[in-house]
């Protein structure tokens, strides 16, 4: 097998000992650092993917970002490089205590459950890891129990952050396919919409539900049916399974699993605070990371009985063992066949559609990444008001299906573009009007539905919309000591948002070929570059108001709507800026 080609060889400073697993993106090898004499997990990109220069560069850049994360609940990335065959690799901390998925399976076989305190503390530590990742704008996108590994002391650690980031920014799958695990995917991920950290919090809510109820909230014989449930159906309330849980604990799960991202926890820190309140309501004075040692010990005295605590509601599916790999592969092949049938029937023949990657054997270090084809779902019921589906007119504008659970094979998932800073005119700050429009009585253009509550609270200042709201707008951001700069691709303007609640906007004047550093020096503290550097250097008020750059710029996505009296702008991390035309923001 080609999985054995590196065994016995030395890659960089790592001697390859054995092959651990193959996933949809990479092979994982057990290796030894010949200098530090420690075991590492070496993740090597599949050679079929390494021929794409764009993907390789993205992999390298994101690997460097993940390597900077230093958190007890995130697996440490030591280094990155290239194999002799020019395949990118990551050298990571080796964790050999199994995964949370393994532990949940053992509990099911033994008729046991984790205690509420144990479950909440495990979820809290995962949320701490997510908070750290989201701080540097990394969204996991494939959070599931198999991507939570267990150290020998019981500490849960998050893995596959780098792979998850790279996946979302590159066209690695065929049209109409998604990468992820249906049982843990957020509704917006199912629909192929841009993702932010709230998608990870939804997945964490599902994991917490599973730990407390002993069963996943959405089950179905076929992956496509599970995807439909994620997008449009509500789970059986957790209190139907566990009558002993406090309202605060139920609230954590319910809020994390809201279909509408605006109704969820907006930050991982918010979810951590809610978990702390739930622990207090359960009679626990404070979080205790030591209780996760149960994941290593797994002794009966530290666990609770499923039979005693669980109440199986009418119509609920009984807990099932995880689907074996051969069944997943068979299902993927079947769905692919259905996809090919509809493609050829609809087009009258044509070029063949490549078969998507299927799952590989799970090991203690990594579980396979499964690519499920979102084929055609017929007779999809209309979503109810509670199922928070995208409005018809908005869905049409964004290419999102309005009457199916998942994207059809002719539509690729929406991916936020990487902004390219291009100038349009000379710098000119936003004009400040003397009058702010009065509260409207009726508007000819509808308020973008995700902004309805924000607009209601600010309608007197904002007035009516000037244009329809947009989502998936390309964005670039850079943080400064005294605020931030945000570039919007749709209007090619740079917004300067000061920490003191004032703002201005300027046309982007940077052009390809201009020096990266328009003024100042590259040394620390850094000078902003490209479009942000031009504005920062051109205006003393911007430079003195913002101070030095705190970090480099990064690509993002946004939703926005312009009004007669200002703009509502929601950036990728979920934060909403209300920018009034009088130069004040909130």
Protein backbone atom coordinates (compact mmCIF):
# COMPACT_ATOMS: atom_id res chain seq x y z
CA UNK A 1 0.00 0.00 0.00
CA UNK A 2 1.10 3.59 -0.65
CA UNK A 3 0.35 4.29 3.03
CA UNK A 4 3.52 2.35 3.84
CA UNK A 5 5.86 4.23 1.50
CA UNK A 6 7.22 6.49 4.26
CA UNK A 7 7.63 3.82 6.95
CA UNK A 8 11.26 3.55 8.00
CA UNK A 9 12.17 6.81 6.27
CA UNK A 10 13.17 10.13 7.80
CA UNK A 11 11.16 13.22 6.91
CA UNK A 12 12.86 16.35 8.14
CA UNK A 13 13.71 15.51 11.77
CA UNK A 14 11.08 12.78 12.09
CA UNK A 15 11.69 9.04 11.73
CA UNK A 16 8.49 7.30 10.54
CA UNK A 17 7.58 4.29 12.70
CA UNK A 18 4.16 3.17 11.48
CA UNK A 19 1.00 4.22 9.72
CA UNK A 20 -1.89 5.12 12.02
CA UNK A 21 -4.78 6.02 9.74
CA UNK A 22 -5.88 7.48 6.43
CA UNK A 23 -8.54 10.17 6.34
CA UNK A 24 -10.19 12.07 3.53
CA UNK A 25 -7.41 14.66 3.53
CA UNK A 26 -4.26 13.08 4.89
CA UNK A 27 -2.37 10.06 6.16
CA UNK A 28 -1.31 10.04 9.80
CA UNK A 29 1.92 8.35 10.85
CA UNK A 30 3.48 7.65 14.21
CA UNK A 31 6.98 9.12 14.15
CA UNK A 32 9.82 9.99 16.47
CA UNK A 33 11.59 13.32 16.72
CA UNK A 34 15.21 12.19 16.40
CA UNK A 35 16.49 15.21 18.32
CA UNK A 36 14.02 15.46 21.19
CA UNK A 37 13.39 11.69 21.34
CA UNK A 38 9.62 12.06 21.61
CA UNK A 39 6.78 10.52 19.65
CA UNK A 40 4.82 12.75 17.30
CA UNK A 41 1.90 12.32 14.96
CA UNK A 42 2.89 13.25 11.42
CA UNK A 43 -0.04 14.22 9.24
CA UNK A 44 0.88 14.07 5.54
CA UNK A 45 -1.43 15.52 2.90
CA UNK A 46 -2.57 12.97 0.33
CA UNK A 47 -0.53 13.20 -2.84
CA UNK A 48 -3.72 13.59 -4.90
CA UNK A 49 -4.37 16.91 -3.12
CA UNK A 50 -0.81 18.19 -2.95
CA UNK A 51 -0.77 18.90 -6.69
CA UNK A 52 -3.00 21.94 -6.11
CA UNK A 53 -0.66 24.91 -5.38
CA UNK A 54 -3.49 27.00 -3.93
CA UNK A 55 -4.39 24.30 -1.45
CA UNK A 56 -0.76 23.70 -0.50
CA UNK A 57 -0.19 27.39 0.18
CA UNK A 58 -3.37 27.64 2.23
CA UNK A 59 -2.40 24.53 4.17
CA UNK A 60 1.03 26.02 4.94
CA UNK A 61 -0.34 29.39 6.02
CA UNK A 62 -3.07 27.99 8.22
CA UNK A 63 -0.68 25.43 9.73
CA UNK A 64 1.52 28.30 10.84
CA UNK A 65 -1.49 29.98 12.44
CA UNK A 66 -2.55 26.83 14.28
CA UNK A 67 1.02 26.25 15.42
CA UNK A 68 0.84 29.53 17.34
CA UNK A 69 -2.02 28.24 19.48
CA UNK A 70 -0.79 27.26 22.92
CA UNK A 71 -3.67 25.87 24.96
CA UNK A 72 -4.02 22.87 27.21
CA UNK A 73 -7.10 21.67 25.34
CA UNK A 74 -5.68 21.99 21.81
CA UNK A 75 -3.25 19.47 20.39
CA UNK A 76 0.07 21.22 19.85
CA UNK A 77 1.39 21.59 16.30
CA UNK A 78 5.19 21.48 16.38
CA UNK A 79 6.19 22.20 12.81
CA UNK A 80 5.24 21.98 9.16
CA UNK A 81 7.19 21.16 6.03
CA UNK A 82 7.35 19.12 2.84
CA UNK A 83 8.12 15.44 2.31
CA UNK A 84 10.66 14.40 -0.35
CA UNK A 85 7.66 13.94 -2.67
CA UNK A 86 6.57 17.55 -2.01
CA UNK A 87 3.57 16.64 0.14
CA UNK A 88 2.93 19.11 2.98
CA UNK A 89 3.00 17.66 6.49
CA UNK A 90 2.18 18.70 10.04
CA UNK A 91 4.10 17.37 13.03
CA UNK A 92 1.78 17.31 16.04
CA UNK A 93 1.65 16.18 19.61
CA UNK A 94 0.91 12.46 19.81
CA UNK A 95 -2.12 11.65 21.99
CA UNK A 96 -2.68 7.95 22.56
CA UNK A 97 -5.58 7.87 25.01
CA UNK A 98 -8.32 7.30 22.46
CA UNK A 99 -11.09 9.72 21.52
CA UNK A 100 -14.29 10.94 23.13
CA UNK A 101 -16.13 8.86 20.55
CA UNK A 102 -14.38 5.74 21.90
CA UNK A 103 -15.41 6.63 25.44
CA UNK A 104 -19.05 7.23 24.52
CA UNK A 105 -19.14 3.87 22.77
CA UNK A 106 -17.72 2.15 25.87
CA UNK A 107 -20.36 3.83 28.03
CA UNK A 108 -23.12 2.64 25.71
CA UNK A 109 -21.87 -0.94 25.80
CA UNK A 110 -21.70 -0.89 29.61
CA UNK A 111 -25.09 0.78 30.11
CA UNK A 112 -23.52 3.84 31.73
CA UNK A 113 -23.60 7.62 31.41
CA UNK A 114 -21.25 10.38 32.42
CA UNK A 115 -22.54 12.41 35.33
CA UNK A 116 -23.94 15.87 34.61
CA UNK A 117 -20.91 17.48 36.27
CA UNK A 118 -18.52 15.41 34.16
CA UNK A 119 -20.38 16.21 30.93
CA UNK A 120 -20.50 19.94 31.63
CA UNK A 121 -16.80 20.05 32.51
CA UNK A 122 -15.85 18.18 29.32
CA UNK A 123 -17.96 20.58 27.24
CA UNK A 124 -16.44 23.52 29.08
CA UNK A 125 -12.88 22.45 28.24
CA UNK A 126 -13.81 22.01 24.57
CA UNK A 127 -15.39 25.47 24.64
CA UNK A 128 -12.18 26.88 26.12
CA UNK A 129 -10.27 25.42 23.16
CA UNK A 130 -12.78 26.90 20.71
CA UNK A 131 -12.52 30.30 22.37
CA UNK A 132 -8.75 30.23 21.82
CA UNK A 133 -9.11 29.14 18.18
CA UNK A 134 -11.83 31.69 17.41
CA UNK A 135 -9.64 34.45 18.81
CA UNK A 136 -7.29 33.95 15.85
CA UNK A 137 -10.24 33.47 13.49
CA UNK A 138 -9.95 29.72 13.12
CA UNK A 139 -13.27 27.89 12.78
CA UNK A 140 -13.01 24.13 13.21
CA UNK A 141 -15.90 23.15 10.89
CA UNK A 142 -15.76 19.45 11.78
CA UNK A 143 -16.14 19.32 15.55
CA UNK A 144 -17.24 15.86 16.66
CA UNK A 145 -16.35 13.35 19.41
CA UNK A 146 -13.75 11.63 17.23
CA UNK A 147 -11.88 14.94 16.92
CA UNK A 148 -11.64 15.24 20.70
CA UNK A 149 -8.73 13.11 21.91
CA UNK A 150 -8.10 12.11 25.52
CA UNK A 151 -4.76 12.50 27.25
CA UNK A 152 -3.67 9.89 29.84
CA UNK A 153 -4.86 12.22 32.63
CA UNK A 154 -8.32 12.51 31.04
CA UNK A 155 -7.86 15.99 29.57
CA UNK A 156 -9.83 16.41 26.31
CA UNK A 157 -7.86 18.01 23.48
CA UNK A 158 -9.14 19.32 20.16
CA UNK A 159 -7.49 18.11 16.94
CA UNK A 160 -7.72 18.76 13.19
CA UNK A 161 -8.04 22.54 13.44
CA UNK A 162 -5.63 23.18 10.58
CA UNK A 163 -7.22 20.69 8.20
CA UNK A 164 -10.67 22.08 8.95
CA UNK A 165 -9.64 25.64 8.15
CA UNK A 166 -7.95 24.74 4.91
CA UNK A 167 -10.88 22.65 3.74
CA UNK A 168 -13.40 25.49 3.79
CA UNK A 169 -11.32 27.80 1.64
CA UNK A 170 -10.51 25.42 -1.20
CA UNK A 171 -12.61 23.58 -3.75
CA UNK A 172 -11.68 20.08 -2.64
CA UNK A 173 -14.99 18.44 -3.39
CA UNK A 174 -17.17 18.02 -6.40
CA UNK A 175 -20.19 20.16 -7.07
CA UNK A 176 -23.01 19.43 -4.64
CA UNK A 177 -20.87 17.82 -1.95
CA UNK A 178 -20.01 18.75 1.60
CA UNK A 179 -17.15 17.81 3.87
CA UNK A 180 -18.13 17.04 7.42
CA UNK A 181 -20.07 14.63 9.56
CA UNK A 182 -23.87 15.00 9.20
CA UNK A 183 -24.65 14.16 12.84
CA UNK A 184 -22.67 17.21 14.03
CA UNK A 185 -23.06 19.73 11.19
CA UNK A 186 -24.73 23.08 11.78
CA UNK A 187 -27.77 24.10 9.68
CA UNK A 188 -25.77 26.79 7.88
CA UNK A 189 -23.07 24.25 7.06
CA UNK A 190 -25.68 21.91 5.60
CA UNK A 191 -26.95 24.75 3.41
CA UNK A 192 -23.46 25.63 2.22
CA UNK A 193 -23.49 29.10 3.78
CA UNK A 194 -20.45 30.97 5.16
CA UNK A 195 -19.46 29.74 8.61
CA UNK A 196 -18.18 31.41 11.76
CA UNK A 197 -17.49 30.30 15.31
CA UNK A 198 -21.18 29.88 16.09
CA UNK A 199 -21.21 26.82 13.82
CA UNK A 200 -18.66 25.17 16.14
CA UNK A 201 -20.82 26.05 19.16
CA UNK A 202 -23.79 24.29 17.52
CA UNK A 203 -21.66 21.16 17.09
CA UNK A 204 -20.55 21.41 20.72
CA UNK A 205 -24.21 21.63 21.76
CA UNK A 206 -24.84 18.34 19.96
CA UNK A 207 -21.88 16.71 21.72
CA UNK A 208 -23.18 17.89 25.11
CA UNK A 209 -26.67 16.61 24.24
CA UNK A 210 -25.15 13.23 23.36
CA UNK A 211 -23.17 13.03 26.60
CA UNK A 212 -26.24 13.85 28.70
CA UNK A 213 -28.86 11.85 26.80
CA UNK A 214 -26.68 8.93 25.72
CA UNK A 215 -27.95 9.36 22.15
CA UNK A 216 -27.34 11.83 19.34
CA UNK A 217 -30.18 14.28 18.75
CA UNK A 218 -30.61 13.48 15.05
CA UNK A 219 -30.62 9.93 13.73
CA UNK A 220 -31.77 8.50 10.40
CA UNK A 221 -30.88 5.54 8.18
CA UNK A 222 -29.37 7.76 5.45
CA UNK A 223 -26.91 10.66 5.75
CA UNK A 224 -29.12 12.90 3.61
CA UNK A 225 -32.01 12.41 6.04
CA UNK A 226 -29.75 13.42 8.92
CA UNK A 227 -28.73 16.56 7.02
CA UNK A 228 -32.38 17.44 6.54
CA UNK A 229 -33.03 17.04 10.24
CA UNK A 230 -30.11 19.30 11.06
CA UNK A 231 -31.43 22.02 8.79
CA UNK A 232 -35.17 21.88 9.47
CA UNK A 233 -36.17 19.71 12.42
CA UNK A 234 -35.93 20.22 16.17
CA UNK A 235 -34.56 17.41 18.36
CA UNK A 236 -36.52 15.71 21.09
CA UNK A 237 -36.15 18.06 24.08
CA UNK A 238 -33.38 16.91 26.37
CA UNK A 239 -35.71 17.00 29.39
CA UNK A 240 -37.67 14.13 27.82
CA UNK A 241 -34.60 11.94 28.36
CA UNK A 242 -33.34 13.42 31.62
CA UNK A 243 -35.87 14.70 34.14
CA UNK A 244 -33.11 15.37 36.70
CA UNK A 245 -31.37 18.19 34.81
CA UNK A 246 -31.58 21.77 36.01
CA UNK A 247 -33.20 24.44 33.78
CA UNK A 248 -29.77 26.05 33.45
CA UNK A 249 -28.24 22.87 32.03
CA UNK A 250 -31.14 22.46 29.61
CA UNK A 251 -30.69 26.10 28.59
CA UNK A 252 -27.04 25.55 27.62
CA UNK A 253 -27.95 22.74 25.20
CA UNK A 254 -31.07 24.42 23.83
CA UNK A 255 -29.35 27.74 23.12
CA UNK A 256 -26.27 26.17 21.56
CA UNK A 257 -28.46 24.13 19.19
CA UNK A 258 -30.64 26.94 17.87
CA UNK A 259 -31.10 26.71 14.10
CA UNK A 260 -30.59 30.46 13.67
CA UNK A 261 -26.97 31.44 14.49
CA UNK A 262 -28.22 34.79 15.81
CA UNK A 263 -30.16 32.94 18.52
CA UNK A 264 -27.17 30.89 19.72
CA UNK A 265 -24.31 31.86 21.98
CA UNK A 266 -22.46 34.48 19.98
CA UNK A 267 -19.06 33.64 21.45
CA UNK A 268 -17.50 30.60 23.08
CA UNK A 269 -16.94 32.74 26.16
CA UNK A 270 -20.71 33.22 26.46
CA UNK A 271 -21.24 29.46 26.40
CA UNK A 272 -18.53 28.95 29.02
CA UNK A 273 -20.29 31.42 31.32
CA UNK A 274 -23.61 29.61 30.82
CA UNK A 275 -21.93 26.26 31.63
CA UNK A 276 -20.57 27.77 34.85
CA UNK A 277 -24.10 28.85 35.82
CA UNK A 278 -25.36 25.36 34.99
CA UNK A 279 -22.72 23.77 37.22
CA UNK A 280 -23.80 25.99 40.10
CA UNK A 281 -27.44 25.06 39.49
CA UNK A 282 -26.42 21.39 39.62
CA UNK A 283 -24.93 21.98 43.06
CA UNK A 284 -21.29 22.28 41.97
CA UNK A 285 -19.51 25.30 43.40
CA UNK A 286 -17.04 25.77 40.56
CA UNK A 287 -15.70 24.07 37.42
CA UNK A 288 -13.35 21.19 38.17
CA UNK A 289 -11.13 20.03 35.30
CA UNK A 290 -10.03 17.05 37.39
CA UNK A 291 -13.38 15.29 36.97
CA UNK A 292 -12.54 14.57 33.32
CA UNK A 293 -10.10 11.95 34.63
CA UNK A 294 -13.13 9.67 34.45
CA UNK A 295 -12.47 9.42 30.70
CA UNK A 296 -9.32 7.46 31.49
CA UNK A 297 -10.49 5.52 34.54
CA UNK A 298 -14.04 4.72 33.39
CA UNK A 299 -14.79 2.94 36.68
CA UNK A 300 -18.43 2.20 37.50
CA UNK A 301 -18.32 4.08 40.80
CA UNK A 302 -17.65 7.34 38.94
CA UNK A 303 -20.46 6.84 36.40
CA UNK A 304 -24.25 6.69 36.52
CA UNK A 305 -26.69 4.09 35.24
CA UNK A 306 -28.46 4.64 31.93
CA UNK A 307 -31.35 2.52 33.13
CA UNK A 308 -31.82 4.63 36.26
CA UNK A 309 -31.45 8.11 34.77
CA UNK A 310 -32.66 7.81 31.16
CA UNK A 311 -36.31 8.00 30.15
CA UNK A 312 -36.74 7.02 26.50
CA UNK A 313 -39.49 9.28 25.06
CA UNK A 314 -42.20 7.91 22.79
CA UNK A 315 -40.98 7.94 19.21
CA UNK A 316 -37.32 8.32 20.17
CA UNK A 317 -34.78 6.08 18.53
CA UNK A 318 -32.93 3.68 20.78
CA UNK A 319 -29.20 4.35 21.16
CA UNK A 320 -27.22 2.64 18.44
CA UNK A 321 -23.61 1.71 18.03
CA UNK A 322 -21.67 3.86 15.56
CA UNK A 323 -22.11 2.82 11.93
CA UNK A 324 -19.18 0.65 10.84
CA UNK A 325 -16.83 1.99 8.20
CA UNK A 326 -17.93 -0.51 5.55
CA UNK A 327 -21.53 0.69 5.92
CA UNK A 328 -20.51 4.33 5.56
CA UNK A 329 -18.56 3.51 2.42
CA UNK A 330 -21.52 1.58 1.03
CA UNK A 331 -23.86 4.48 1.75
CA UNK A 332 -21.49 6.94 0.10
CA UNK A 333 -21.26 4.74 -2.99
CA UNK A 334 -25.05 4.44 -3.10
CA UNK A 335 -25.57 8.17 -2.81
CA UNK A 336 -22.94 8.77 -5.48
CA UNK A 337 -24.80 6.41 -7.78
CA UNK A 338 -28.02 8.32 -7.19
CA UNK A 339 -26.22 11.58 -7.93
CA UNK A 340 -24.80 10.21 -11.19
CA UNK A 341 -28.25 8.98 -12.19
CA UNK A 342 -29.87 12.36 -11.74
CA UNK A 343 -26.99 14.21 -13.37
CA UNK A 344 -27.10 12.05 -16.48
CA UNK A 345 -30.90 12.00 -16.61
CA UNK A 346 -31.02 15.79 -16.30
CA UNK A 347 -28.23 16.48 -18.80
CA UNK A 348 -28.76 13.65 -21.20
CA UNK A 349 -25.29 12.30 -20.62
CA UNK A 350 -22.02 14.16 -20.40
CA UNK A 351 -18.74 13.95 -18.60
CA UNK A 352 -18.52 11.65 -15.64
CA UNK A 353 -18.73 13.06 -12.13
CA UNK A 354 -15.81 12.12 -9.88
CA UNK A 355 -16.68 9.96 -6.92
CA UNK A 356 -16.11 11.83 -3.62
CA UNK A 357 -13.72 10.63 -0.98
CA UNK A 358 -15.14 8.05 1.40
CA UNK A 359 -14.28 7.17 4.94
CA UNK A 360 -11.18 5.33 6.06
CA UNK A 361 -10.40 3.15 9.03
CA UNK A 362 -10.65 4.90 12.41
CA UNK A 363 -7.72 4.73 14.79
CA UNK A 364 -6.97 6.00 18.27
CA UNK A 365 -5.42 9.13 16.89
CA UNK A 366 -7.77 10.19 14.08
CA UNK A 367 -11.11 9.19 12.65
CA UNK A 368 -11.85 9.27 8.99
CA UNK A 369 -13.19 12.41 7.40
CA UNK A 370 -16.26 11.36 5.46
CA UNK A 371 -17.42 13.22 2.37
CA UNK A 372 -21.16 12.88 1.94
CA UNK A 373 -22.72 13.82 -1.37
CA UNK A 374 -25.81 15.95 -0.80
CA UNK A 375 -27.94 14.42 -3.50
CA UNK A 376 -31.51 15.28 -4.40
CA UNK A 377 -34.08 15.09 -1.60
CA UNK A 378 -37.60 14.75 -2.87
CA UNK A 379 -40.87 15.74 -1.24
CA UNK A 380 -39.17 18.00 1.28
CA UNK A 381 -41.76 19.38 3.72
CA UNK A 382 -42.08 23.12 4.06
CA UNK A 383 -40.20 24.38 7.11
CA UNK A 384 -42.28 25.87 9.87
CA UNK A 385 -41.75 29.32 11.36
CA UNK A 386 -39.72 27.74 14.13
CA UNK A 387 -37.35 26.06 11.68
CA UNK A 388 -35.66 29.30 10.64
CA UNK A 389 -35.13 28.75 6.91
CA UNK A 390 -33.65 31.52 4.72
CA UNK A 391 -36.24 33.85 3.12
CA UNK A 392 -37.11 32.93 -0.46
CA UNK A 393 -35.89 36.16 -1.98
CA UNK A 394 -32.61 36.03 -0.05
CA UNK A 395 -32.04 32.38 -0.88
CA UNK A 396 -32.51 33.07 -4.55
CA UNK A 397 -29.99 35.87 -4.42
CA UNK A 398 -27.39 33.70 -2.73
CA UNK A 399 -27.99 30.53 -4.73
CA UNK A 400 -29.37 28.71 -1.67
CA UNK A 401 -32.17 26.14 -2.19
CA UNK A 402 -35.51 27.26 -0.80
CA UNK A 403 -37.38 23.98 -0.90
CA UNK A 404 -34.76 21.31 -0.25
CA UNK A 405 -32.83 20.31 2.80
CA UNK A 406 -29.40 20.47 1.23
CA UNK A 407 -27.70 21.96 -1.87
CA UNK A 408 -28.48 20.23 -5.15
CA UNK A 409 -25.69 18.68 -7.20
CA UNK A 410 -25.54 21.76 -9.47
CA UNK A 411 -24.73 24.26 -6.74
CA UNK A 412 -21.43 24.49 -4.90
CA UNK A 413 -21.40 25.46 -1.24
CA UNK A 414 -20.94 29.22 -0.85
CA UNK A 415 -17.39 30.02 0.18
CA UNK A 416 -16.38 33.49 1.28
CA UNK A 417 -13.90 34.89 -1.27
CA UNK A 418 -10.42 35.93 -0.34
CA UNK A 419 -10.45 39.72 -0.70
CA UNK A 420 -8.20 41.41 -3.24
CA UNK A 421 -7.63 45.03 -2.34
CA UNK A 422 -8.28 47.20 -5.39
CA UNK A 423 -8.57 51.01 -5.48
CA UNK A 424 -11.38 53.04 -6.96
CA UNK A 425 -10.67 56.66 -6.11
CA UNK A 426 -8.80 59.15 -3.96
CA UNK A 427 -9.25 58.82 -0.20
CA UNK A 428 -12.36 60.63 0.92
CA UNK A 429 -13.92 60.25 4.35
CA UNK A 430 -17.62 59.59 4.79
CA UNK A 431 -19.66 62.77 4.78
CA UNK A 432 -21.43 63.53 8.04
CA UNK A 433 -25.05 64.63 7.46
CA UNK A 434 -26.56 67.36 9.57
CA UNK A 435 -29.88 65.60 9.99
CA UNK A 436 -30.66 62.01 10.93
CA UNK A 437 -33.86 60.60 9.38
CA UNK A 438 -36.87 60.26 11.57
CA UNK A 439 -38.24 56.85 12.48
CA UNK A 440 -39.87 55.45 9.34
CA UNK A 441 -43.49 54.50 9.25
CA UNK A 442 -43.14 52.34 6.14
CA UNK A 443 -40.16 51.33 4.01
CA UNK A 444 -40.22 50.30 0.38
CA UNK A 445 -37.18 48.02 0.82
CA UNK A 446 -37.39 45.25 3.40
CA UNK A 447 -35.01 45.08 6.32
CA UNK A 448 -32.65 42.10 6.01
CA UNK A 449 -34.25 39.49 8.28
CA UNK A 450 -31.11 38.73 10.41
CA UNK A 451 -30.95 42.47 11.20
CA UNK A 452 -34.62 42.88 12.14
CA UNK A 453 -34.09 43.09 15.91
CA UNK A 454 -31.06 45.37 15.56
CA UNK A 455 -32.95 47.69 13.20
CA UNK A 456 -36.00 47.78 15.49
CA UNK A 457 -33.78 49.09 18.29
CA UNK A 458 -32.15 51.71 16.04
CA UNK A 459 -34.80 52.53 13.42
CA UNK A 460 -35.15 56.17 14.52
CA UNK A 461 -31.49 56.79 13.70
CA UNK A 462 -31.08 54.45 10.72
CA UNK A 463 -34.25 55.19 8.80
CA UNK A 464 -35.27 52.99 5.88
CA UNK A 465 -32.97 50.68 3.91
CA UNK A 466 -31.30 52.15 0.85
CA UNK A 467 -30.68 48.71 -0.65
CA UNK A 468 -31.39 45.06 0.03
CA UNK A 469 -29.26 43.28 2.60
CA UNK A 470 -26.43 41.01 1.50
CA UNK A 471 -24.64 38.04 3.04
CA UNK A 472 -21.38 36.34 2.12
CA UNK A 473 -19.66 39.67 1.37
CA UNK A 474 -15.89 39.37 1.04
CA UNK A 475 -14.15 41.14 3.88
CA UNK A 476 -10.67 41.89 5.17
CA UNK A 477 -9.90 43.00 8.72
CA UNK A 478 -6.93 44.17 10.72
CA UNK A 479 -6.87 44.89 14.46
CA UNK A 480 -5.07 47.92 15.92
CA UNK A 481 -4.28 49.15 19.39
CA UNK A 482 -7.12 51.67 19.19
CA UNK A 483 -9.67 49.94 16.97
CA UNK A 484 -9.76 48.13 13.65
CA UNK A 485 -9.96 48.52 9.88
CA UNK A 486 -12.52 46.62 7.81
CA UNK A 487 -12.56 46.43 3.99
CA UNK A 488 -15.80 45.59 2.18
CA UNK A 489 -15.44 43.97 -1.20
CA UNK A 490 -18.91 44.94 -2.47
CA UNK A 491 -18.31 48.71 -2.22
CA UNK A 492 -14.48 48.73 -2.09
CA UNK A 493 -14.41 50.96 0.96
CA UNK A 494 -12.32 50.79 4.11
CA UNK A 495 -14.08 51.38 7.41
CA UNK A 496 -11.97 52.79 10.24
CA UNK A 497 -13.66 51.89 13.55
CA UNK A 498 -12.15 53.53 16.60
CA UNK A 499 -12.45 52.09 20.11
CA UNK A 500 -13.95 55.39 21.27
CA UNK A 501 -17.17 54.75 19.30
CA UNK A 502 -16.44 56.94 16.28
CA UNK A 503 -15.86 55.80 12.72
CA UNK A 504 -15.20 56.95 9.16
CA UNK A 505 -14.86 55.26 5.79
CA UNK A 506 -12.52 55.83 2.86
CA UNK A 507 -12.28 54.60 -0.71
CA UNK A 508 -9.52 52.01 -1.06
CA UNK A 509 -6.61 53.56 -2.99
CA UNK A 510 -4.07 50.75 -2.88
CA UNK A 511 -3.12 49.30 -6.28
CA UNK A 512 -1.35 46.14 -7.28
CA UNK A 513 2.34 46.96 -7.50
CA UNK A 514 2.28 49.59 -4.77
CA UNK A 515 4.77 48.99 -1.94
CA UNK A 516 3.41 46.81 0.83
CA UNK A 517 4.74 49.26 3.38
CA UNK A 518 3.62 52.69 2.28
CA UNK A 519 5.27 54.32 5.28
CA UNK A 520 7.05 53.26 8.44
CA UNK A 521 9.10 50.11 8.82
CA UNK A 522 8.38 46.41 8.85
CA UNK A 523 9.82 45.97 12.32
CA UNK A 524 7.64 45.65 15.41
CA UNK A 525 5.30 47.38 16.05
CA UNK A 526 4.18 46.50 12.54
CA UNK A 527 3.00 48.97 9.94
CA UNK A 528 -0.23 47.92 8.21
CA UNK A 529 0.24 47.04 4.56
CA UNK A 530 -1.65 47.24 1.26
CA UNK A 531 -4.98 49.08 1.39
CA UNK A 532 -4.96 49.43 5.15
CA UNK A 533 -1.38 50.75 5.02
CA UNK A 534 -2.28 53.39 2.43
CA UNK A 535 -5.10 54.83 4.53
CA UNK A 536 -3.11 54.55 7.76
CA UNK A 537 -0.22 56.46 6.22
CA UNK A 538 -2.31 59.03 4.32
CA UNK A 539 -4.31 60.35 7.27
CA UNK A 540 -2.75 61.54 10.50
CA UNK A 541 -6.12 61.21 12.24
CA UNK A 542 -6.30 57.53 11.31
CA UNK A 543 -2.72 56.82 12.34
CA UNK A 544 -2.97 58.66 15.67
CA UNK A 545 -6.45 57.31 16.43
CA UNK A 546 -5.71 53.65 15.72
CA UNK A 547 -2.11 53.45 16.89
CA UNK A 548 0.02 50.52 15.82
CA UNK A 549 -1.28 47.36 14.18
CA UNK A 550 -1.84 44.54 16.65
CA UNK A 551 -1.67 41.73 14.07
CA UNK A 552 -1.73 41.12 10.32
CA UNK A 553 -4.81 41.38 8.17
CA UNK A 554 -7.06 38.40 7.57
CA UNK A 555 -9.83 37.44 5.16
CA UNK A 556 -13.35 37.24 6.50
CA UNK A 557 -16.97 37.41 5.36
CA UNK A 558 -19.85 39.65 6.35
CA UNK A 559 -23.52 40.50 6.03
CA UNK A 560 -24.48 44.13 5.54
CA UNK A 561 -27.33 46.49 4.74
CA UNK A 562 -27.08 50.21 4.04
CA UNK A 563 -29.72 52.58 5.37
CA UNK A 564 -30.52 56.24 4.87
CA UNK A 565 -28.95 56.95 8.25
CA UNK A 566 -26.11 54.45 8.37
CA UNK A 567 -25.12 50.82 7.95
CA UNK A 568 -25.57 47.54 9.82
CA UNK A 569 -22.52 45.33 9.37
CA UNK A 570 -22.11 41.83 10.82
CA UNK A 571 -18.59 40.39 10.56
CA UNK A 572 -17.55 36.75 10.49
CA UNK A 573 -17.30 36.28 14.27
CA UNK A 574 -20.94 37.32 14.67
CA UNK A 575 -20.29 40.81 16.01
CA UNK A 576 -22.71 43.44 14.72
CA UNK A 577 -21.64 47.04 14.12
CA UNK A 578 -24.31 49.74 13.77
CA UNK A 579 -22.55 52.57 11.95
CA UNK A 580 -24.57 55.79 12.10
CA UNK A 581 -24.09 58.44 9.41
CA UNK A 582 -23.17 61.00 12.07
CA UNK A 583 -19.87 59.16 12.62
CA UNK A 584 -20.89 57.26 15.76
CA UNK A 585 -21.12 53.49 16.06
CA UNK A 586 -22.39 51.04 18.62
